[in-house]
């Protein structure tokens, strides 16, 4: 099982800065997802900025979420364990 998200910060250009439960820090680019179904609402920067951690993953108020395994595996790691 991959590490889960402990903290999230929404950055410019639809990037999430993530701290994982194993101590790694990474960034995840949400831009490729913004034209797909429920994720299109994330195009609004004010709404995107409402990202928060719930249940080890990132969620938004209208129940959008991204699989925690995807967040870990596809993130660019800034620091390692």
PDB file of N, CA and C in Angstrom:
ATOM      1  N   UNK A   1       0.846  -1.181   0.000  1.00  0.00           N
ATOM      2  CA  UNK A   1       0.000   0.000   0.000  1.00  0.00           C
ATOM      3  C   UNK A   1       0.890   1.243   0.000  1.00  0.00           C
ATOM      4  N   UNK A   2       0.572   2.170  -0.859  1.00  0.00           N
ATOM      5  CA  UNK A   2       1.318   3.419  -0.941  1.00  0.00           C
ATOM      6  C   UNK A   2       0.993   4.321   0.247  1.00  0.00           C
ATOM      7  N   UNK A   3       1.901   5.248   0.560  1.00  0.00           N
ATOM      8  CA  UNK A   3       1.624   6.218   1.619  1.00  0.00           C
ATOM      9  C   UNK A   3       0.387   7.052   1.294  1.00  0.00           C
ATOM     10  N   UNK A   4      -0.228   7.587   2.309  1.00  0.00           N
ATOM     11  CA  UNK A   4      -1.407   8.431   2.153  1.00  0.00           C
ATOM     12  C   UNK A   4      -1.035   9.893   2.370  1.00  0.00           C
ATOM     13  N   UNK A   5      -1.920  10.769   1.941  1.00  0.00           N
ATOM     14  CA  UNK A   5      -1.686  12.204   2.041  1.00  0.00           C
ATOM     15  C   UNK A   5      -1.955  12.668   3.472  1.00  0.00           C
ATOM     16  N   UNK A   6      -1.009  13.424   4.028  1.00  0.00           N
ATOM     17  CA  UNK A   6      -1.181  14.019   5.353  1.00  0.00           C
ATOM     18  C   UNK A   6      -1.591  15.480   5.250  1.00  0.00           C
ATOM     19  N   UNK A   7      -0.955  16.223   4.320  1.00  0.00           N
ATOM     20  CA  UNK A   7      -1.311  17.631   4.140  1.00  0.00           C
ATOM     21  C   UNK A   7      -1.298  17.964   2.654  1.00  0.00           C
ATOM     22  N   UNK A   8      -2.076  18.988   2.305  1.00  0.00           N
ATOM     23  CA  UNK A   8      -2.134  19.463   0.926  1.00  0.00           C
ATOM     24  C   UNK A   8      -2.143  20.982   0.922  1.00  0.00           C
ATOM     25  N   UNK A   9      -1.485  21.547  -0.074  1.00  0.00           N
ATOM     26  CA  UNK A   9      -1.534  22.994  -0.324  1.00  0.00           C
ATOM     27  C   UNK A   9      -1.768  23.172  -1.818  1.00  0.00           C
ATOM     28  N   UNK A  10      -2.834  23.896  -2.165  1.00  0.00           N
ATOM     29  CA  UNK A  10      -3.119  24.191  -3.567  1.00  0.00           C
ATOM     30  C   UNK A  10      -2.225  25.344  -4.012  1.00  0.00           C
ATOM     31  N   UNK A  11      -1.486  25.129  -5.093  1.00  0.00           N
ATOM     32  CA  UNK A  11      -0.562  26.119  -5.622  1.00  0.00           C
ATOM     33  C   UNK A  11      -1.089  26.650  -6.955  1.00  0.00           C
ATOM     34  N   UNK A  12      -0.362  27.593  -7.534  1.00  0.00           N
ATOM     35  CA  UNK A  12      -0.750  28.137  -8.835  1.00  0.00           C
ATOM     36  C   UNK A  12      -0.662  27.066  -9.915  1.00  0.00           C
ATOM     37  N   UNK A  13      -1.356  27.317 -11.013  1.00  0.00           N
ATOM     38  CA  UNK A  13      -1.338  26.440 -12.188  1.00  0.00           C
ATOM     39  C   UNK A  13      -1.850  25.035 -11.895  1.00  0.00           C
ATOM     40  N   UNK A  14      -2.779  24.928 -10.947  1.00  0.00           N
ATOM     41  CA  UNK A  14      -3.453  23.666 -10.640  1.00  0.00           C
ATOM     42  C   UNK A  14      -2.501  22.582 -10.146  1.00  0.00           C
ATOM     43  N   UNK A  15      -1.556  22.983  -9.334  1.00  0.00           N
ATOM     44  CA  UNK A  15      -0.601  22.048  -8.742  1.00  0.00           C
ATOM     45  C   UNK A  15      -0.920  21.895  -7.263  1.00  0.00           C
ATOM     46  N   UNK A  16      -0.864  20.660  -6.787  1.00  0.00           N
ATOM     47  CA  UNK A  16      -1.021  20.374  -5.366  1.00  0.00           C
ATOM     48  C   UNK A  16       0.346  20.046  -4.785  1.00  0.00           C
ATOM     49  N   UNK A  17       0.664  20.655  -3.656  1.00  0.00           N
ATOM     50  CA  UNK A  17       1.866  20.262  -2.923  1.00  0.00           C
ATOM     51  C   UNK A  17       1.404  19.336  -1.806  1.00  0.00           C
ATOM     52  N   UNK A  18       1.986  18.157  -1.763  1.00  0.00           N
ATOM     53  CA  UNK A  18       1.514  17.101  -0.868  1.00  0.00           C
ATOM     54  C   UNK A  18       2.611  16.649   0.084  1.00  0.00           C
ATOM     55  N   UNK A  19       2.221  16.376   1.321  1.00  0.00           N
ATOM     56  CA  UNK A  19       3.100  15.697   2.265  1.00  0.00           C
ATOM     57  C   UNK A  19       2.443  14.350   2.530  1.00  0.00           C
ATOM     58  N   UNK A  20       3.230  13.282   2.327  1.00  0.00           N
ATOM     59  CA  UNK A  20       2.717  11.930   2.479  1.00  0.00           C
ATOM     60  C   UNK A  20       3.053  11.364   3.853  1.00  0.00           C
ATOM     61  N   UNK A  21       2.345  10.308   4.230  1.00  0.00           N
ATOM     62  CA  UNK A  21       2.499   9.715   5.555  1.00  0.00           C
ATOM     63  C   UNK A  21       3.887   9.129   5.801  1.00  0.00           C
ATOM     64  N   UNK A  22       4.684   8.915   4.754  1.00  0.00           N
ATOM     65  CA  UNK A  22       6.045   8.407   4.936  1.00  0.00           C
ATOM     66  C   UNK A  22       7.067   9.548   5.014  1.00  0.00           C
ATOM     67  N   UNK A  23       6.591  10.800   5.018  1.00  0.00           N
ATOM     68  CA  UNK A  23       7.461  11.956   5.134  1.00  0.00           C
ATOM     69  C   UNK A  23       7.885  12.561   3.808  1.00  0.00           C
ATOM     70  N   UNK A  24       7.607  11.888   2.703  1.00  0.00           N
ATOM     71  CA  UNK A  24       7.962  12.445   1.402  1.00  0.00           C
ATOM     72  C   UNK A  24       7.074  13.638   1.068  1.00  0.00           C
ATOM     73  N   UNK A  25       7.642  14.578   0.321  1.00  0.00           N
ATOM     74  CA  UNK A  25       6.912  15.746  -0.157  1.00  0.00           C
ATOM     75  C   UNK A  25       6.945  15.691  -1.677  1.00  0.00           C
ATOM     76  N   UNK A  26       5.804  15.964  -2.290  1.00  0.00           N
ATOM     77  CA  UNK A  26       5.752  15.941  -3.742  1.00  0.00           C
ATOM     78  C   UNK A  26       4.738  16.924  -4.283  1.00  0.00           C
ATOM     79  N   UNK A  27       4.769  17.100  -5.603  1.00  0.00           N
ATOM     80  CA  UNK A  27       3.778  17.934  -6.267  1.00  0.00           C
ATOM     81  C   UNK A  27       3.023  17.082  -7.271  1.00  0.00           C
ATOM     82  N   UNK A  28       1.748  17.387  -7.414  1.00  0.00           N
ATOM     83  CA  UNK A  28       0.884  16.674  -8.346  1.00  0.00           C
ATOM     84  C   UNK A  28       0.201  17.700  -9.235  1.00  0.00           C
ATOM     85  N   UNK A  29       0.356  17.550 -10.537  1.00  0.00           N
ATOM     86  CA  UNK A  29      -0.224  18.465 -11.512  1.00  0.00           C
ATOM     87  C   UNK A  29      -1.636  17.998 -11.866  1.00  0.00           C
ATOM     88  N   UNK A  30      -2.634  18.783 -11.489  1.00  0.00           N
ATOM     89  CA  UNK A  30      -4.026  18.445 -11.770  1.00  0.00           C
ATOM     90  C   UNK A  30      -4.495  18.901 -13.151  1.00  0.00           C
ATOM     91  N   UNK A  31      -3.704  19.733 -13.826  1.00  0.00           N
ATOM     92  CA  UNK A  31      -4.128  20.311 -15.109  1.00  0.00           C
ATOM     93  C   UNK A  31      -4.621  19.274 -16.120  1.00  0.00           C
ATOM     94  N   UNK A  32      -3.985  18.108 -16.263  1.00  0.00           N
ATOM     95  CA  UNK A  32      -4.461  17.145 -17.252  1.00  0.00           C
ATOM     96  C   UNK A  32      -5.866  16.584 -16.959  1.00  0.00           C
ATOM     97  N   UNK A  33      -6.360  16.758 -15.749  1.00  0.00           N
ATOM     98  CA  UNK A  33      -7.651  16.202 -15.350  1.00  0.00           C
ATOM     99  C   UNK A  33      -8.804  17.199 -15.474  1.00  0.00           C
ATOM    100  N   UNK A  34      -8.500  18.468 -15.697  1.00  0.00           N
ATOM    101  CA  UNK A  34      -9.499  19.535 -15.583  1.00  0.00           C
ATOM    102  C   UNK A  34     -10.611  19.496 -16.629  1.00  0.00           C
ATOM    103  N   UNK A  35     -10.435  18.787 -17.709  1.00  0.00           N
ATOM    104  CA  UNK A  35     -11.477  18.716 -18.739  1.00  0.00           C
ATOM    105  C   UNK A  35     -12.303  17.447 -18.666  1.00  0.00           C
ATOM    106  N   UNK A  36     -12.169  16.695 -17.582  1.00  0.00           N
ATOM    107  CA  UNK A  36     -12.874  15.435 -17.444  1.00  0.00           C
ATOM    108  C   UNK A  36     -13.978  15.522 -16.399  1.00  0.00           C
ATOM    109  N   UNK A  37     -15.216  15.374 -16.830  1.00  0.00           N
ATOM    110  CA  UNK A  37     -16.368  15.243 -15.947  1.00  0.00           C
ATOM    111  C   UNK A  37     -16.365  16.136 -14.735  1.00  0.00           C
ATOM    112  N   UNK A  38     -16.434  15.502 -13.559  1.00  0.00           N
ATOM    113  CA  UNK A  38     -16.561  16.241 -12.304  1.00  0.00           C
ATOM    114  C   UNK A  38     -15.364  17.130 -12.007  1.00  0.00           C
ATOM    115  N   UNK A  39     -14.222  16.850 -12.622  1.00  0.00           N
ATOM    116  CA  UNK A  39     -13.027  17.646 -12.352  1.00  0.00           C
ATOM    117  C   UNK A  39     -13.050  19.002 -13.046  1.00  0.00           C
ATOM    118  N   UNK A  40     -13.961  19.214 -13.996  1.00  0.00           N
ATOM    119  CA  UNK A  40     -14.002  20.496 -14.705  1.00  0.00           C
ATOM    120  C   UNK A  40     -14.273  21.660 -13.746  1.00  0.00           C
ATOM    121  N   UNK A  41     -14.948  21.390 -12.646  1.00  0.00           N
ATOM    122  CA  UNK A  41     -15.219  22.428 -11.650  1.00  0.00           C
ATOM    123  C   UNK A  41     -13.924  22.964 -11.020  1.00  0.00           C
ATOM    124  N   UNK A  42     -12.860  22.155 -11.055  1.00  0.00           N
ATOM    125  CA  UNK A  42     -11.588  22.563 -10.476  1.00  0.00           C
ATOM    126  C   UNK A  42     -10.894  23.649 -11.301  1.00  0.00           C
ATOM    127  N   UNK A  43     -11.407  23.945 -12.496  1.00  0.00           N
ATOM    128  CA  UNK A  43     -10.844  25.006 -13.326  1.00  0.00           C
ATOM    129  C   UNK A  43     -10.971  26.375 -12.663  1.00  0.00           C
ATOM    130  N   UNK A  44     -11.921  26.521 -11.769  1.00  0.00           N
ATOM    131  CA  UNK A  44     -12.093  27.770 -11.018  1.00  0.00           C
ATOM    132  C   UNK A  44     -11.004  27.813  -9.933  1.00  0.00           C
ATOM    133  N   UNK A  45     -10.045  28.741 -10.041  1.00  0.00           N
ATOM    134  CA  UNK A  45      -8.938  28.779  -9.074  1.00  0.00           C
ATOM    135  C   UNK A  45      -9.386  28.904  -7.617  1.00  0.00           C
ATOM    136  N   UNK A  46     -10.468  29.622  -7.390  1.00  0.00           N
ATOM    137  CA  UNK A  46     -10.968  29.772  -6.019  1.00  0.00           C
ATOM    138  C   UNK A  46     -11.475  28.431  -5.486  1.00  0.00           C
ATOM    139  N   UNK A  47     -12.156  27.689  -6.341  1.00  0.00           N
ATOM    140  CA  UNK A  47     -12.642  26.365  -5.939  1.00  0.00           C
ATOM    141  C   UNK A  47     -11.469  25.395  -5.771  1.00  0.00           C
ATOM    142  N   UNK A  48     -10.529  25.419  -6.703  1.00  0.00           N
ATOM    143  CA  UNK A  48      -9.359  24.539  -6.622  1.00  0.00           C
ATOM    144  C   UNK A  48      -8.627  24.739  -5.296  1.00  0.00           C
ATOM    145  N   UNK A  49      -8.558  25.989  -4.847  1.00  0.00           N
ATOM    146  CA  UNK A  49      -7.847  26.322  -3.613  1.00  0.00           C
ATOM    147  C   UNK A  49      -8.512  25.739  -2.364  1.00  0.00           C
ATOM    148  N   UNK A  50      -9.721  25.207  -2.495  1.00  0.00           N
ATOM    149  CA  UNK A  50     -10.428  24.628  -1.349  1.00  0.00           C
ATOM    150  C   UNK A  50     -10.055  23.164  -1.097  1.00  0.00           C
ATOM    151  N   UNK A  51      -9.013  22.691  -1.767  1.00  0.00           N
ATOM    152  CA  UNK A  51      -8.552  21.312  -1.563  1.00  0.00           C
ATOM    153  C   UNK A  51      -8.228  21.088  -0.095  1.00  0.00           C
ATOM    154  N   UNK A  52      -8.584  19.902   0.388  1.00  0.00           N
ATOM    155  CA  UNK A  52      -8.282  19.540   1.770  1.00  0.00           C
ATOM    156  C   UNK A  52      -8.036  18.031   1.836  1.00  0.00           C
ATOM    157  N   UNK A  53      -7.461  17.582   2.931  1.00  0.00           N
ATOM    158  CA  UNK A  53      -7.204  16.159   3.129  1.00  0.00           C
ATOM    159  C   UNK A  53      -8.359  15.540   3.899  1.00  0.00           C
ATOM    160  N   UNK A  54      -8.798  14.398   3.399  1.00  0.00           N
ATOM    161  CA  UNK A  54      -9.832  13.625   4.086  1.00  0.00           C
ATOM    162  C   UNK A  54      -9.585  12.154   3.770  1.00  0.00           C
ATOM    163  N   UNK A  55      -9.486  11.351   4.799  1.00  0.00           N
ATOM    164  CA  UNK A  55      -9.299   9.920   4.591  1.00  0.00           C
ATOM    165  C   UNK A  55      -8.030   9.556   3.842  1.00  0.00           C
ATOM    166  N   UNK A  56      -6.986  10.358   3.987  1.00  0.00           N
ATOM    167  CA  UNK A  56      -5.707  10.057   3.363  1.00  0.00           C
ATOM    168  C   UNK A  56      -5.578  10.458   1.911  1.00  0.00           C
ATOM    169  N   UNK A  57      -6.548  11.223   1.415  1.00  0.00           N
ATOM    170  CA  UNK A  57      -6.482  11.697   0.037  1.00  0.00           C
ATOM    171  C   UNK A  57      -6.926  13.148  -0.029  1.00  0.00           C
ATOM    172  N   UNK A  58      -6.934  13.703  -1.230  1.00  0.00           N
ATOM    173  CA  UNK A  58      -7.331  15.097  -1.432  1.00  0.00           C
ATOM    174  C   UNK A  58      -8.766  15.132  -1.936  1.00  0.00           C
ATOM    175  N   UNK A  59      -9.574  15.999  -1.327  1.00  0.00           N
ATOM    176  CA  UNK A  59     -10.977  16.154  -1.722  1.00  0.00           C
ATOM    177  C   UNK A  59     -11.313  17.636  -1.843  1.00  0.00           C
ATOM    178  N   UNK A  60     -12.428  17.898  -2.534  1.00  0.00           N
ATOM    179  CA  UNK A  60     -12.975  19.251  -2.663  1.00  0.00           C
ATOM    180  C   UNK A  60     -14.412  19.226  -2.187  1.00  0.00           C
ATOM    181  N   UNK A  61     -15.020  20.409  -1.935  1.00  0.00           N
ATOM    182  CA  UNK A  61     -16.355  20.483  -1.334  1.00  0.00           C
ATOM    183  C   UNK A  61     -17.458  19.709  -2.064  1.00  0.00           C
ATOM    184  N   UNK A  62     -17.407  19.631  -3.375  1.00  0.00           N
ATOM    185  CA  UNK A  62     -18.473  18.941  -4.107  1.00  0.00           C
ATOM    186  C   UNK A  62     -18.132  17.486  -4.404  1.00  0.00           C
ATOM    187  N   UNK A  63     -17.326  16.900  -3.504  1.00  0.00           N
ATOM    188  CA  UNK A  63     -17.006  15.480  -3.476  1.00  0.00           C
ATOM    189  C   UNK A  63     -16.066  14.994  -4.566  1.00  0.00           C
ATOM    190  N   UNK A  64     -15.372  15.895  -5.258  1.00  0.00           N
ATOM    191  CA  UNK A  64     -14.316  15.429  -6.145  1.00  0.00           C
ATOM    192  C   UNK A  64     -13.184  14.901  -5.267  1.00  0.00           C
ATOM    193  N   UNK A  65     -12.531  13.861  -5.728  1.00  0.00           N
ATOM    194  CA  UNK A  65     -11.346  13.360  -5.049  1.00  0.00           C
ATOM    195  C   UNK A  65     -10.445  12.684  -6.070  1.00  0.00           C
ATOM    196  N   UNK A  66      -9.219  12.473  -5.677  1.00  0.00           N
ATOM    197  CA  UNK A  66      -8.248  11.792  -6.521  1.00  0.00           C
ATOM    198  C   UNK A  66      -7.705  10.620  -5.715  1.00  0.00           C
ATOM    199  N   UNK A  67      -7.622   9.480  -6.342  1.00  0.00           N
ATOM    200  CA  UNK A  67      -7.140   8.267  -5.681  1.00  0.00           C
ATOM    201  C   UNK A  67      -5.789   8.539  -5.015  1.00  0.00           C
ATOM    202  N   UNK A  68      -5.635   8.172  -3.745  1.00  0.00           N
ATOM    203  CA  UNK A  68      -4.373   8.430  -3.071  1.00  0.00           C
ATOM    204  C   UNK A  68      -3.193   7.711  -3.718  1.00  0.00           C
ATOM    205  N   UNK A  69      -3.426   6.549  -4.312  1.00  0.00           N
ATOM    206  CA  UNK A  69      -2.344   5.851  -5.002  1.00  0.00           C
ATOM    207  C   UNK A  69      -1.893   6.640  -6.228  1.00  0.00           C
ATOM    208  N   UNK A  70      -2.836   7.233  -6.945  1.00  0.00           N
ATOM    209  CA  UNK A  70      -2.496   8.071  -8.095  1.00  0.00           C
ATOM    210  C   UNK A  70      -1.701   9.280  -7.641  1.00  0.00           C
ATOM    211  N   UNK A  71      -2.136   9.908  -6.566  1.00  0.00           N
ATOM    212  CA  UNK A  71      -1.424  11.079  -6.053  1.00  0.00           C
ATOM    213  C   UNK A  71       0.024  10.739  -5.719  1.00  0.00           C
ATOM    214  N   UNK A  72       0.237   9.592  -5.104  1.00  0.00           N
ATOM    215  CA  UNK A  72       1.596   9.211  -4.722  1.00  0.00           C
ATOM    216  C   UNK A  72       2.421   8.808  -5.946  1.00  0.00           C
ATOM    217  N   UNK A  73       1.882   7.925  -6.752  1.00  0.00           N
ATOM    218  CA  UNK A  73       2.650   7.378  -7.867  1.00  0.00           C
ATOM    219  C   UNK A  73       2.947   8.408  -8.956  1.00  0.00           C
ATOM    220  N   UNK A  74       2.035   9.338  -9.184  1.00  0.00           N
ATOM    221  CA  UNK A  74       2.218  10.323 -10.263  1.00  0.00           C
ATOM    222  C   UNK A  74       2.797  11.646  -9.780  1.00  0.00           C
ATOM    223  N   UNK A  75       3.074  11.763  -8.499  1.00  0.00           N
ATOM    224  CA  UNK A  75       3.626  13.025  -8.011  1.00  0.00           C
ATOM    225  C   UNK A  75       5.128  13.094  -8.273  1.00  0.00           C
ATOM    226  N   UNK A  76       5.595  14.313  -8.431  1.00  0.00           N
ATOM    227  CA  UNK A  76       7.036  14.580  -8.548  1.00  0.00           C
ATOM    228  C   UNK A  76       7.544  14.778  -7.132  1.00  0.00           C
ATOM    229  N   UNK A  77       8.419  13.913  -6.687  1.00  0.00           N
ATOM    230  CA  UNK A  77       8.900  13.978  -5.309  1.00  0.00           C
ATOM    231  C   UNK A  77       9.936  15.095  -5.159  1.00  0.00           C
ATOM    232  N   UNK A  78       9.722  15.924  -4.140  1.00  0.00           N
ATOM    233  CA  UNK A  78      10.636  17.013  -3.832  1.00  0.00           C
ATOM    234  C   UNK A  78      11.641  16.598  -2.764  1.00  0.00           C
ATOM    235  N   UNK A  79      11.190  15.710  -1.871  1.00  0.00           N
ATOM    236  CA  UNK A  79      12.082  15.151  -0.851  1.00  0.00           C
ATOM    237  C   UNK A  79      11.745  13.686  -0.685  1.00  0.00           C
ATOM    238  N   UNK A  80      12.719  12.913  -0.232  1.00  0.00           N
ATOM    239  CA  UNK A  80      12.473  11.496   0.011  1.00  0.00           C
ATOM    240  C   UNK A  80      12.457  11.213   1.488  1.00  0.00           C
ATOM    241  N   UNK A  81      12.176   9.961   1.777  1.00  0.00           N
ATOM    242  CA  UNK A  81      12.110   9.511   3.161  1.00  0.00           C
ATOM    243  C   UNK A  81      13.409   9.763   3.877  1.00  0.00           C
TER     244      UNK A  81
END
